[in-house]
Amino acid sequence: MKNLSPVESPLGLREVETSTKPLTPTQMAFRRFLRHKMAIIGVIFMVAIVLYVTIGASFYTEAQSNRLNLMIMLSPPSPGHWFGTDFVGRDVLARTIYGGQISIIIGILAVVVSTFVGILIGAFSGYYGGIIDNLLMRFTEAMYTVPQLFLLIVLAKFLGGKLPTFIFLGRSFSGSVIIIIGVIGMTSWMYLARIVRSNVLSLKEQDFITAATSIGTKDRFIILGHILPNTIAPIIIAATLQVANSILTEAYISFLGLGVQPPTATWGNMLQEANKYLERAPWLWFFPGMLILLTVLAINFVGDGLRDALDPHSLVDVNKE
């Protein structure tokens, strides 16, 4: 917003002085994000889905989502069961709520693992260079050849039942969940590592890094305090998009019957259970499938909006509006 104020010039003419308060980088990024309509739609859908799986749990208990009732098996959607019931009479609505919690938690935790590993390897490789850079980048390239799906299938098959059950956020998770989170996280960090490395290579030549090095600042403080904060934008974008990929990966590994095992529900194993009733009971696959679709689309829309908002080249014109 421009403030106009009359000012007397030396010649006696009244001039208009304009003053514009400059926007901070955060304000410019926020304005740019708000102009991305699909990103706003994505945020709305994400909030709605998170509220669905959290507030919905206050209306249904986890025991209700696993309660069998053969008298109402394969009942279509009705006022008593809005999403219908499955082949053993369990309420599909309750199972999508609790299954969504696990699917989202797996997606987020897998991204936490992959982001940590990617930042660690990318930062060390770019900052130290030389033989460390060569070794870490060759390792990164080798990891691209690891078949994620095959590794998930093998490890979930042979190790999933041998790991102990653990409690997280009030929910009980089987050992197969640990396998899924670990494999997805440890096979998804390579792209982020290359991004972080390229940014570190550019930043470490800047004057403020040279100044910090010249006064004896330790490497870990330079990396954590100066370099990584200036690399946060691509990290946020890559991590956001990776959440969608992790949820999809969990869905198809569970669809193959090697993910989280019933009776614990996830959107993926609900689709696997609905595979035999595609025509007879379409509500069994429609609701979990639609939730996966909306979640992945919403996250991708938000990721696209963040990419545009945090792009320094796209922020130049915001101050001019």
C-alpha atoms as a PDB file:
ATOM      1  CA  MET A   1       0.000   0.000   0.000  1.00  0.00           C
ATOM      2  CA  LYS A   2       1.456   3.362  -1.031  1.00  0.00           C
ATOM      3  CA  ASN A   3       1.192   6.408   1.235  1.00  0.00           C
ATOM      4  CA  LEU A   4       0.899   9.698  -0.614  1.00  0.00           C
ATOM      5  CA  SER A   5       1.856  12.922   1.150  1.00  0.00           C
ATOM      6  CA  PRO A   6       2.243  16.423  -0.344  1.00  0.00           C
ATOM      7  CA  VAL A   7       5.707  17.987   0.003  1.00  0.00           C
ATOM      8  CA  GLU A   8       6.798  21.532  -0.855  1.00  0.00           C
ATOM      9  CA  SER A   9       9.629  21.616  -3.398  1.00  0.00           C
ATOM     10  CA  PRO A  10      12.347  24.328  -3.382  1.00  0.00           C
ATOM     11  CA  LEU A  11      10.517  25.953  -6.309  1.00  0.00           C
ATOM     12  CA  GLY A  12       7.286  26.220  -4.364  1.00  0.00           C
ATOM     13  CA  LEU A  13       5.572  23.389  -6.257  1.00  0.00           C
ATOM     14  CA  ARG A  14       3.690  20.747  -4.382  1.00  0.00           C
ATOM     15  CA  GLU A  15       5.071  17.297  -5.087  1.00  0.00           C
ATOM     16  CA  VAL A  16       3.842  13.899  -3.990  1.00  0.00           C
ATOM     17  CA  GLU A  17       6.201  11.767  -1.980  1.00  0.00           C
ATOM     18  CA  THR A  18       5.632   8.028  -2.238  1.00  0.00           C
ATOM     19  CA  SER A  19       6.810   5.581   0.345  1.00  0.00           C
ATOM     20  CA  THR A  20       6.420   1.836   0.087  1.00  0.00           C
ATOM     21  CA  LYS A  21       7.237  -0.445   2.969  1.00  0.00           C
ATOM     22  CA  PRO A  22       9.346  -3.296   1.598  1.00  0.00           C
ATOM     23  CA  LEU A  23       8.091  -6.818   2.085  1.00  0.00           C
ATOM     24  CA  THR A  24      10.125  -9.433   3.887  1.00  0.00           C
ATOM     25  CA  PRO A  25      11.010 -12.650   2.009  1.00  0.00           C
ATOM     26  CA  THR A  26       8.453 -14.523   4.120  1.00  0.00           C
ATOM     27  CA  GLN A  27       5.706 -12.035   3.242  1.00  0.00           C
ATOM     28  CA  MET A  28       6.596 -12.227  -0.444  1.00  0.00           C
ATOM     29  CA  ALA A  29       6.515 -16.024  -0.367  1.00  0.00           C
ATOM     30  CA  PHE A  30       3.175 -16.005   1.457  1.00  0.00           C
ATOM     31  CA  ARG A  31       1.633 -13.607  -1.078  1.00  0.00           C
ATOM     32  CA  ARG A  32       2.940 -15.699  -3.927  1.00  0.00           C
ATOM     33  CA  PHE A  33       1.484 -18.830  -2.355  1.00  0.00           C
ATOM     34  CA  LEU A  34      -1.940 -17.194  -1.913  1.00  0.00           C
ATOM     35  CA  ARG A  35      -1.982 -16.362  -5.625  1.00  0.00           C
ATOM     36  CA  HIS A  36      -1.616 -20.060  -6.468  1.00  0.00           C
ATOM     37  CA  LYS A  37      -5.273 -21.145  -6.585  1.00  0.00           C
ATOM     38  CA  MET A  38      -4.606 -24.875  -6.810  1.00  0.00           C
ATOM     39  CA  ALA A  39      -2.295 -24.675  -3.800  1.00  0.00           C
ATOM     40  CA  ILE A  40      -5.069 -23.052  -1.748  1.00  0.00           C
ATOM     41  CA  ILE A  41      -7.441 -25.800  -2.842  1.00  0.00           C
ATOM     42  CA  GLY A  42      -4.804 -28.326  -1.812  1.00  0.00           C
ATOM     43  CA  VAL A  43      -4.494 -26.733   1.637  1.00  0.00           C
ATOM     44  CA  ILE A  44      -8.276 -26.868   2.077  1.00  0.00           C
ATOM     45  CA  PHE A  45      -8.393 -30.549   1.152  1.00  0.00           C
ATOM     46  CA  MET A  46      -5.400 -31.356   3.373  1.00  0.00           C
ATOM     47  CA  VAL A  47      -6.987 -29.632   6.358  1.00  0.00           C
ATOM     48  CA  ALA A  48     -10.288 -31.409   5.692  1.00  0.00           C
ATOM     49  CA  ILE A  49      -8.597 -34.826   5.512  1.00  0.00           C
ATOM     50  CA  VAL A  50      -6.560 -34.229   8.676  1.00  0.00           C
ATOM     51  CA  LEU A  51      -9.714 -33.128  10.509  1.00  0.00           C
ATOM     52  CA  TYR A  52     -11.518 -36.179   9.146  1.00  0.00           C
ATOM     53  CA  VAL A  53      -9.002 -38.673  10.540  1.00  0.00           C
ATOM     54  CA  THR A  54      -8.521 -36.828  13.856  1.00  0.00           C
ATOM     55  CA  ILE A  55     -11.939 -35.480  14.819  1.00  0.00           C
ATOM     56  CA  GLY A  56     -13.578 -38.570  13.347  1.00  0.00           C
ATOM     57  CA  ALA A  57     -11.768 -40.636  15.970  1.00  0.00           C
ATOM     58  CA  SER A  58     -13.820 -38.908  18.667  1.00  0.00           C
ATOM     59  CA  PHE A  59     -17.007 -40.401  17.182  1.00  0.00           C
ATOM     60  CA  TYR A  60     -15.675 -43.916  16.534  1.00  0.00           C
ATOM     61  CA  THR A  61     -13.304 -45.983  18.631  1.00  0.00           C
ATOM     62  CA  GLU A  62     -10.655 -48.229  17.106  1.00  0.00           C
ATOM     63  CA  ALA A  63     -12.529 -51.204  18.568  1.00  0.00           C
ATOM     64  CA  GLN A  64     -15.598 -50.183  16.558  1.00  0.00           C
ATOM     65  CA  SER A  65     -13.547 -50.096  13.368  1.00  0.00           C
ATOM     66  CA  ASN A  66     -12.531 -53.738  13.960  1.00  0.00           C
ATOM     67  CA  ARG A  67     -15.855 -55.006  15.341  1.00  0.00           C
ATOM     68  CA  LEU A  68     -17.301 -57.920  13.358  1.00  0.00           C
ATOM     69  CA  ASN A  69     -21.017 -58.240  12.651  1.00  0.00           C
ATOM     70  CA  LEU A  70     -21.836 -60.918  10.093  1.00  0.00           C
ATOM     71  CA  MET A  71     -25.520 -59.964  10.213  1.00  0.00           C
ATOM     72  CA  ILE A  72     -24.810 -56.753   8.286  1.00  0.00           C
ATOM     73  CA  MET A  73     -21.934 -57.892   6.059  1.00  0.00           C
ATOM     74  CA  LEU A  74     -21.632 -56.068   2.711  1.00  0.00           C
ATOM     75  CA  SER A  75     -24.403 -53.620   3.593  1.00  0.00           C
ATOM     76  CA  PRO A  76     -24.499 -50.606   1.232  1.00  0.00           C
ATOM     77  CA  PRO A  77     -24.161 -47.038   2.554  1.00  0.00           C
ATOM     78  CA  SER A  78     -27.064 -46.119   4.827  1.00  0.00           C
ATOM     79  CA  PRO A  79     -27.846 -43.694   7.669  1.00  0.00           C
ATOM     80  CA  GLY A  80     -26.546 -46.288  10.130  1.00  0.00           C
ATOM     81  CA  HIS A  81     -23.331 -46.909   8.194  1.00  0.00           C
ATOM     82  CA  TRP A  82     -22.611 -43.959   5.938  1.00  0.00           C
ATOM     83  CA  PHE A  83     -19.867 -45.744   3.981  1.00  0.00           C
ATOM     84  CA  GLY A  84     -21.449 -49.195   4.249  1.00  0.00           C
ATOM     85  CA  THR A  85     -19.887 -52.297   5.791  1.00  0.00           C
ATOM     86  CA  ASP A  86     -17.254 -54.734   4.552  1.00  0.00           C
ATOM     87  CA  PHE A  87     -17.329 -58.511   4.019  1.00  0.00           C
ATOM     88  CA  VAL A  88     -17.331 -59.230   7.784  1.00  0.00           C
ATOM     89  CA  GLY A  89     -19.644 -56.402   8.808  1.00  0.00           C
ATOM     90  CA  ARG A  90     -17.047 -53.823   9.888  1.00  0.00           C
ATOM     91  CA  ASP A  91     -17.966 -50.170   9.451  1.00  0.00           C
ATOM     92  CA  VAL A  92     -16.082 -48.760   6.435  1.00  0.00           C
ATOM     93  CA  LEU A  93     -16.335 -45.161   7.681  1.00  0.00           C
ATOM     94  CA  ALA A  94     -14.623 -46.019  10.966  1.00  0.00           C
ATOM     95  CA  ARG A  95     -11.954 -48.032   9.142  1.00  0.00           C
ATOM     96  CA  THR A  96     -11.172 -45.162   6.741  1.00  0.00           C
ATOM     97  CA  ILE A  97     -10.699 -42.872   9.753  1.00  0.00           C
ATOM     98  CA  TYR A  98      -8.249 -45.120  11.586  1.00  0.00           C
ATOM     99  CA  GLY A  99      -6.710 -46.423   8.381  1.00  0.00           C
ATOM    100  CA  GLY A 100      -6.081 -42.844   7.286  1.00  0.00           C
ATOM    101  CA  GLN A 101      -4.254 -42.123  10.518  1.00  0.00           C
ATOM    102  CA  ILE A 102      -1.787 -44.949   9.902  1.00  0.00           C
ATOM    103  CA  SER A 103      -1.345 -44.142   6.195  1.00  0.00           C
ATOM    104  CA  ILE A 104      -0.570 -40.490   6.954  1.00  0.00           C
ATOM    105  CA  ILE A 105       1.708 -41.337   9.895  1.00  0.00           C
ATOM    106  CA  ILE A 106       3.667 -43.802   7.745  1.00  0.00           C
ATOM    107  CA  GLY A 107       3.982 -41.187   4.985  1.00  0.00           C
ATOM    108  CA  ILE A 108       5.232 -38.479   7.360  1.00  0.00           C
ATOM    109  CA  LEU A 109       7.657 -40.683   9.312  1.00  0.00           C
ATOM    110  CA  ALA A 110       9.129 -42.122   6.106  1.00  0.00           C
ATOM    111  CA  VAL A 111       9.750 -38.583   4.876  1.00  0.00           C
ATOM    112  CA  VAL A 112      11.369 -37.637   8.192  1.00  0.00           C
ATOM    113  CA  VAL A 113      13.834 -40.515   7.709  1.00  0.00           C
ATOM    114  CA  SER A 114      14.530 -39.725   4.032  1.00  0.00           C
ATOM    115  CA  THR A 115      14.881 -35.978   4.721  1.00  0.00           C
ATOM    116  CA  PHE A 116      17.354 -36.527   7.555  1.00  0.00           C
ATOM    117  CA  VAL A 117      19.507 -38.882   5.482  1.00  0.00           C
ATOM    118  CA  GLY A 118      19.299 -36.677   2.385  1.00  0.00           C
ATOM    119  CA  ILE A 119      20.314 -33.523   4.269  1.00  0.00           C
ATOM    120  CA  LEU A 120      23.141 -35.327   6.070  1.00  0.00           C
ATOM    121  CA  ILE A 121      24.689 -36.833   2.935  1.00  0.00           C
ATOM    122  CA  GLY A 122      24.059 -33.800   0.726  1.00  0.00           C
ATOM    123  CA  ALA A 123      25.512 -31.331   3.231  1.00  0.00           C
ATOM    124  CA  PHE A 124      28.640 -33.371   3.946  1.00  0.00           C
ATOM    125  CA  SER A 125      29.215 -34.111   0.269  1.00  0.00           C
ATOM    126  CA  GLY A 126      28.860 -30.502  -0.849  1.00  0.00           C
ATOM    127  CA  TYR A 127      30.721 -28.874   2.032  1.00  0.00           C
ATOM    128  CA  TYR A 128      33.799 -31.096   2.256  1.00  0.00           C
ATOM    129  CA  GLY A 129      34.099 -32.050  -1.425  1.00  0.00           C
ATOM    130  CA  GLY A 130      37.068 -34.069  -2.631  1.00  0.00           C
ATOM    131  CA  ILE A 131      37.132 -37.755  -1.868  1.00  0.00           C
ATOM    132  CA  ILE A 132      34.191 -37.478   0.548  1.00  0.00           C
ATOM    133  CA  ASP A 133      32.090 -35.942  -2.213  1.00  0.00           C
ATOM    134  CA  ASN A 134      33.117 -38.646  -4.681  1.00  0.00           C
ATOM    135  CA  LEU A 135      32.362 -41.497  -2.294  1.00  0.00           C
ATOM    136  CA  LEU A 136      29.009 -40.134  -1.159  1.00  0.00           C
ATOM    137  CA  MET A 137      27.848 -39.307  -4.677  1.00  0.00           C
ATOM    138  CA  ARG A 138      28.852 -42.738  -5.972  1.00  0.00           C
ATOM    139  CA  PHE A 139      26.912 -44.245  -3.067  1.00  0.00           C
ATOM    140  CA  THR A 140      23.930 -42.039  -3.952  1.00  0.00           C
ATOM    141  CA  GLU A 141      24.043 -43.158  -7.584  1.00  0.00           C
ATOM    142  CA  ALA A 142      24.262 -46.784  -6.483  1.00  0.00           C
ATOM    143  CA  MET A 143      21.148 -46.342  -4.312  1.00  0.00           C
ATOM    144  CA  TYR A 144      19.181 -45.337  -7.405  1.00  0.00           C
ATOM    145  CA  THR A 145      19.553 -48.912  -8.638  1.00  0.00           C
ATOM    146  CA  VAL A 146      17.983 -50.441  -5.511  1.00  0.00           C
ATOM    147  CA  PRO A 147      14.446 -51.667  -6.398  1.00  0.00           C
ATOM    148  CA  GLN A 148      12.297 -50.144  -3.671  1.00  0.00           C
ATOM    149  CA  LEU A 149       9.217 -52.301  -4.287  1.00  0.00           C
ATOM    150  CA  PHE A 150      11.218 -55.536  -4.398  1.00  0.00           C
ATOM    151  CA  LEU A 151      13.027 -54.621  -1.184  1.00  0.00           C
ATOM    152  CA  LEU A 152       9.730 -53.782   0.523  1.00  0.00           C
ATOM    153  CA  ILE A 153       8.198 -57.088  -0.525  1.00  0.00           C
ATOM    154  CA  VAL A 154      11.158 -59.184   0.602  1.00  0.00           C
ATOM    155  CA  LEU A 155      11.729 -57.478   3.955  1.00  0.00           C
ATOM    156  CA  ALA A 156       8.035 -57.220   4.807  1.00  0.00           C
ATOM    157  CA  LYS A 157       7.605 -60.900   4.001  1.00  0.00           C
ATOM    158  CA  PHE A 158      10.523 -62.228   6.045  1.00  0.00           C
ATOM    159  CA  LEU A 159      11.008 -59.638   8.797  1.00  0.00           C
ATOM    160  CA  GLY A 160       7.608 -58.020   9.309  1.00  0.00           C
ATOM    161  CA  GLY A 161       6.349 -60.659  11.748  1.00  0.00           C
ATOM    162  CA  LYS A 162       9.602 -60.866  13.697  1.00  0.00           C
ATOM    163  CA  LEU A 163       9.714 -57.256  14.872  1.00  0.00           C
ATOM    164  CA  PRO A 164       7.881 -56.296  18.084  1.00  0.00           C
ATOM    165  CA  THR A 165       4.703 -54.245  18.165  1.00  0.00           C
ATOM    166  CA  PHE A 166       5.142 -50.654  19.375  1.00  0.00           C
ATOM    167  CA  ILE A 167       2.878 -47.833  20.512  1.00  0.00           C
ATOM    168  CA  PHE A 168       2.985 -44.426  18.815  1.00  0.00           C
ATOM    169  CA  LEU A 169       0.521 -41.556  19.345  1.00  0.00           C
ATOM    170  CA  GLY A 170      -1.793 -43.926  21.158  1.00  0.00           C
ATOM    171  CA  ARG A 171      -1.935 -46.418  18.276  1.00  0.00           C
ATOM    172  CA  SER A 172      -0.466 -49.898  18.164  1.00  0.00           C
ATOM    173  CA  PHE A 173       1.776 -50.603  15.153  1.00  0.00           C
ATOM    174  CA  SER A 174       3.018 -53.997  13.990  1.00  0.00           C
ATOM    175  CA  GLY A 175       6.600 -54.711  12.981  1.00  0.00           C
ATOM    176  CA  SER A 176       5.661 -54.453   9.301  1.00  0.00           C
ATOM    177  CA  VAL A 177       5.089 -50.712   9.812  1.00  0.00           C
ATOM    178  CA  ILE A 178       8.719 -50.301  10.917  1.00  0.00           C
ATOM    179  CA  ILE A 179       9.851 -52.138   7.800  1.00  0.00           C
ATOM    180  CA  ILE A 180       7.719 -49.956   5.519  1.00  0.00           C
ATOM    181  CA  ILE A 181       8.862 -46.694   7.121  1.00  0.00           C
ATOM    182  CA  GLY A 182      12.500 -47.763   7.114  1.00  0.00           C
ATOM    183  CA  VAL A 183      12.597 -49.017   3.522  1.00  0.00           C
ATOM    184  CA  ILE A 184      10.686 -46.063   2.068  1.00  0.00           C
ATOM    185  CA  GLY A 185      12.802 -43.610   4.037  1.00  0.00           C
ATOM    186  CA  MET A 186      16.139 -45.244   3.225  1.00  0.00           C
ATOM    187  CA  THR A 187      15.405 -45.553  -0.512  1.00  0.00           C
ATOM    188  CA  SER A 188      13.906 -42.086  -1.111  1.00  0.00           C
ATOM    189  CA  TRP A 189      16.611 -39.662   0.039  1.00  0.00           C
ATOM    190  CA  MET A 190      18.789 -39.522  -3.113  1.00  0.00           C
ATOM    191  CA  TYR A 191      16.954 -36.720  -4.928  1.00  0.00           C
ATOM    192  CA  LEU A 192      17.007 -34.485  -1.852  1.00  0.00           C
ATOM    193  CA  ALA A 193      20.690 -35.238  -1.234  1.00  0.00           C
ATOM    194  CA  ARG A 194      21.595 -34.037  -4.732  1.00  0.00           C
ATOM    195  CA  ILE A 195      19.546 -30.863  -4.265  1.00  0.00           C
ATOM    196  CA  VAL A 196      21.173 -30.098  -0.908  1.00  0.00           C
ATOM    197  CA  ARG A 197      24.636 -30.807  -2.317  1.00  0.00           C
ATOM    198  CA  SER A 198      24.164 -28.402  -5.237  1.00  0.00           C
ATOM    199  CA  ASN A 199      22.955 -25.642  -2.905  1.00  0.00           C
ATOM    200  CA  VAL A 200      25.824 -26.212  -0.474  1.00  0.00           C
ATOM    201  CA  LEU A 201      28.359 -26.072  -3.310  1.00  0.00           C
ATOM    202  CA  SER A 202      26.967 -22.662  -4.267  1.00  0.00           C
ATOM    203  CA  LEU A 203      26.605 -21.283  -0.752  1.00  0.00           C
ATOM    204  CA  LYS A 204      30.032 -22.263   0.577  1.00  0.00           C
ATOM    205  CA  GLU A 205      31.653 -19.872  -1.920  1.00  0.00           C
ATOM    206  CA  GLN A 206      29.687 -16.905  -0.583  1.00  0.00           C
ATOM    207  CA  ASP A 207      31.442 -14.157   1.373  1.00  0.00           C
ATOM    208  CA  PHE A 208      29.575 -14.773   4.632  1.00  0.00           C
ATOM    209  CA  ILE A 209      30.742 -18.407   4.672  1.00  0.00           C
ATOM    210  CA  THR A 210      34.314 -17.313   3.937  1.00  0.00           C
ATOM    211  CA  ALA A 211      34.105 -14.794   6.777  1.00  0.00           C
ATOM    212  CA  ALA A 212      32.762 -17.412   9.190  1.00  0.00           C
ATOM    213  CA  THR A 213      35.560 -19.794   8.229  1.00  0.00           C
ATOM    214  CA  SER A 214      38.245 -17.121   8.602  1.00  0.00           C
ATOM    215  CA  ILE A 215      37.294 -16.356  12.200  1.00  0.00           C
ATOM    216  CA  GLY A 216      37.547 -20.030  13.136  1.00  0.00           C
ATOM    217  CA  THR A 217      33.867 -21.025  13.260  1.00  0.00           C
ATOM    218  CA  LYS A 218      33.563 -24.791  13.462  1.00  0.00           C
ATOM    219  CA  ASP A 219      32.273 -26.655  10.447  1.00  0.00           C
ATOM    220  CA  ARG A 220      29.167 -27.990  12.181  1.00  0.00           C
ATOM    221  CA  PHE A 221      28.111 -24.475  13.182  1.00  0.00           C
ATOM    222  CA  ILE A 222      28.665 -23.202   9.642  1.00  0.00           C
ATOM    223  CA  ILE A 223      26.617 -26.052   8.172  1.00  0.00           C
ATOM    224  CA  LEU A 224      23.803 -25.897  10.737  1.00  0.00           C
ATOM    225  CA  GLY A 225      23.744 -22.152  11.315  1.00  0.00           C
ATOM    226  CA  HIS A 226      24.533 -20.652   7.910  1.00  0.00           C
ATOM    227  CA  ILE A 227      24.233 -23.131   5.061  1.00  0.00           C
ATOM    228  CA  LEU A 228      21.169 -25.266   5.876  1.00  0.00           C
ATOM    229  CA  PRO A 229      18.916 -22.303   6.799  1.00  0.00           C
ATOM    230  CA  ASN A 230      19.607 -20.914   3.319  1.00  0.00           C
ATOM    231  CA  THR A 231      18.701 -24.296   1.790  1.00  0.00           C
ATOM    232  CA  ILE A 232      15.410 -24.697   3.614  1.00  0.00           C
ATOM    233  CA  ALA A 233      13.185 -23.820   0.621  1.00  0.00           C
ATOM    234  CA  PRO A 234      14.114 -26.777  -1.648  1.00  0.00           C
ATOM    235  CA  ILE A 235      14.125 -29.077   1.390  1.00  0.00           C
ATOM    236  CA  ILE A 236      10.537 -28.121   2.275  1.00  0.00           C
ATOM    237  CA  ILE A 237       9.374 -28.560  -1.325  1.00  0.00           C
ATOM    238  CA  ALA A 238      11.049 -31.954  -1.780  1.00  0.00           C
ATOM    239  CA  ALA A 239       9.820 -33.230   1.592  1.00  0.00           C
ATOM    240  CA  THR A 240       6.235 -32.130   0.901  1.00  0.00           C
ATOM    241  CA  LEU A 241       6.088 -33.937  -2.432  1.00  0.00           C
ATOM    242  CA  GLN A 242       7.746 -37.005  -0.915  1.00  0.00           C
ATOM    243  CA  VAL A 243       4.896 -37.376   1.603  1.00  0.00           C
ATOM    244  CA  ALA A 244       2.501 -38.053  -1.285  1.00  0.00           C
ATOM    245  CA  ASN A 245       4.883 -40.602  -2.799  1.00  0.00           C
ATOM    246  CA  SER A 246       5.282 -42.363   0.556  1.00  0.00           C
ATOM    247  CA  ILE A 247       1.511 -42.635   1.048  1.00  0.00           C
ATOM    248  CA  LEU A 248       1.169 -44.100  -2.446  1.00  0.00           C
ATOM    249  CA  THR A 249       4.013 -46.547  -1.814  1.00  0.00           C
ATOM    250  CA  GLU A 250       2.405 -47.731   1.429  1.00  0.00           C
ATOM    251  CA  ALA A 251      -0.908 -48.102  -0.410  1.00  0.00           C
ATOM    252  CA  TYR A 252       0.364 -50.362  -3.147  1.00  0.00           C
ATOM    253  CA  ILE A 253       2.552 -52.482  -0.863  1.00  0.00           C
ATOM    254  CA  SER A 254      -0.493 -52.980   1.383  1.00  0.00           C
ATOM    255  CA  PHE A 255      -2.623 -53.678  -1.693  1.00  0.00           C
ATOM    256  CA  LEU A 256      -0.232 -56.546  -2.460  1.00  0.00           C
ATOM    257  CA  GLY A 257      -0.914 -57.904   1.035  1.00  0.00           C
ATOM    258  CA  LEU A 258       2.605 -57.261   2.357  1.00  0.00           C
ATOM    259  CA  GLY A 259       2.090 -53.996   4.209  1.00  0.00           C
ATOM    260  CA  VAL A 260       0.231 -53.370   7.449  1.00  0.00           C
ATOM    261  CA  GLN A 261      -1.647 -56.561   8.219  1.00  0.00           C
ATOM    262  CA  PRO A 262      -5.385 -56.774   9.045  1.00  0.00           C
ATOM    263  CA  PRO A 263      -7.323 -56.289  11.220  1.00  0.00           C
ATOM    264  CA  THR A 264      -5.385 -52.998  11.516  1.00  0.00           C
ATOM    265  CA  ALA A 265      -6.674 -50.863   8.673  1.00  0.00           C
ATOM    266  CA  THR A 266      -4.849 -48.652   6.210  1.00  0.00           C
ATOM    267  CA  TRP A 267      -6.267 -47.242   3.018  1.00  0.00           C
ATOM    268  CA  GLY A 268      -4.018 -49.606   1.085  1.00  0.00           C
ATOM    269  CA  ASN A 269      -5.058 -52.871   2.725  1.00  0.00           C
ATOM    270  CA  MET A 270      -8.708 -51.776   2.565  1.00  0.00           C
ATOM    271  CA  LEU A 271      -8.302 -51.694  -1.212  1.00  0.00           C
ATOM    272  CA  GLN A 272      -6.692 -55.130  -1.080  1.00  0.00           C
ATOM    273  CA  GLU A 273      -9.667 -56.505   0.868  1.00  0.00           C
ATOM    274  CA  ALA A 274     -12.095 -54.904  -1.605  1.00  0.00           C
ATOM    275  CA  ASN A 275     -10.399 -56.564  -4.567  1.00  0.00           C
ATOM    276  CA  LYS A 276     -12.845 -59.511  -4.529  1.00  0.00           C
ATOM    277  CA  TYR A 277     -15.929 -57.284  -4.386  1.00  0.00           C
ATOM    278  CA  LEU A 278     -15.260 -54.720  -7.123  1.00  0.00           C
ATOM    279  CA  GLU A 279     -18.723 -55.021  -8.672  1.00  0.00           C
ATOM    280  CA  ARG A 280     -20.734 -56.481  -5.816  1.00  0.00           C
ATOM    281  CA  ALA A 281     -19.710 -53.869  -3.208  1.00  0.00           C
ATOM    282  CA  PRO A 282     -18.107 -50.863  -4.941  1.00  0.00           C
ATOM    283  CA  TRP A 283     -18.219 -48.787  -1.753  1.00  0.00           C
ATOM    284  CA  LEU A 284     -15.451 -50.950  -0.320  1.00  0.00           C
ATOM    285  CA  TRP A 285     -12.900 -49.568  -2.789  1.00  0.00           C
ATOM    286  CA  PHE A 286     -14.491 -46.225  -3.661  1.00  0.00           C
ATOM    287  CA  PHE A 287     -14.099 -44.485  -0.287  1.00  0.00           C
ATOM    288  CA  PRO A 288     -10.502 -45.487   0.613  1.00  0.00           C
ATOM    289  CA  GLY A 289      -9.468 -45.035  -3.027  1.00  0.00           C
ATOM    290  CA  MET A 290     -11.011 -41.558  -3.139  1.00  0.00           C
ATOM    291  CA  LEU A 291      -9.280 -40.592   0.104  1.00  0.00           C
ATOM    292  CA  ILE A 292      -5.905 -41.689  -1.284  1.00  0.00           C
ATOM    293  CA  LEU A 293      -6.564 -39.759  -4.487  1.00  0.00           C
ATOM    294  CA  LEU A 294      -7.617 -36.561  -2.705  1.00  0.00           C
ATOM    295  CA  THR A 295      -4.718 -36.732  -0.237  1.00  0.00           C
ATOM    296  CA  VAL A 296      -2.081 -37.230  -2.922  1.00  0.00           C
ATOM    297  CA  LEU A 297      -3.555 -34.517  -5.160  1.00  0.00           C
ATOM    298  CA  ALA A 298      -3.797 -32.069  -2.247  1.00  0.00           C
ATOM    299  CA  ILE A 299      -0.177 -32.638  -1.222  1.00  0.00           C
ATOM    300  CA  ASN A 300       1.035 -32.279  -4.811  1.00  0.00           C
ATOM    301  CA  PHE A 301      -0.935 -29.046  -5.246  1.00  0.00           C
ATOM    302  CA  VAL A 302       0.576 -27.645  -2.046  1.00  0.00           C
ATOM    303  CA  GLY A 303       4.038 -28.754  -3.174  1.00  0.00           C
ATOM    304  CA  ASP A 304       3.602 -26.962  -6.511  1.00  0.00           C
ATOM    305  CA  GLY A 305       2.465 -23.831  -4.683  1.00  0.00           C
ATOM    306  CA  LEU A 306       5.450 -23.933  -2.336  1.00  0.00           C
ATOM    307  CA  ARG A 307       7.812 -24.406  -5.282  1.00  0.00           C
ATOM    308  CA  ASP A 308       6.450 -21.268  -6.958  1.00  0.00           C
ATOM    309  CA  ALA A 309       6.246 -19.291  -3.718  1.00  0.00           C
ATOM    310  CA  LEU A 310       9.778 -20.078  -2.566  1.00  0.00           C
ATOM    311  CA  ASP A 311      11.417 -19.586  -5.956  1.00  0.00           C
ATOM    312  CA  PRO A 312      13.534 -16.423  -5.506  1.00  0.00           C
ATOM    313  CA  HIS A 313      13.116 -15.499  -9.180  1.00  0.00           C
ATOM    314  CA  SER A 314       9.334 -15.475  -8.836  1.00  0.00           C
ATOM    315  CA  LEU A 315       9.393 -13.196  -5.776  1.00  0.00           C
ATOM    316  CA  VAL A 316      10.958 -10.216  -7.506  1.00  0.00           C
ATOM    317  CA  ASP A 317       7.708  -8.783  -8.849  1.00  0.00           C
ATOM    318  CA  VAL A 318       5.660  -9.164  -5.675  1.00  0.00           C
ATOM    319  CA  ASN A 319       6.879  -5.880  -4.196  1.00  0.00           C
ATOM    320  CA  LYS A 320       5.725  -4.082  -7.309  1.00  0.00           C
ATOM    321  CA  GLU A 321       2.072  -4.986  -6.867  1.00  0.00           C
END
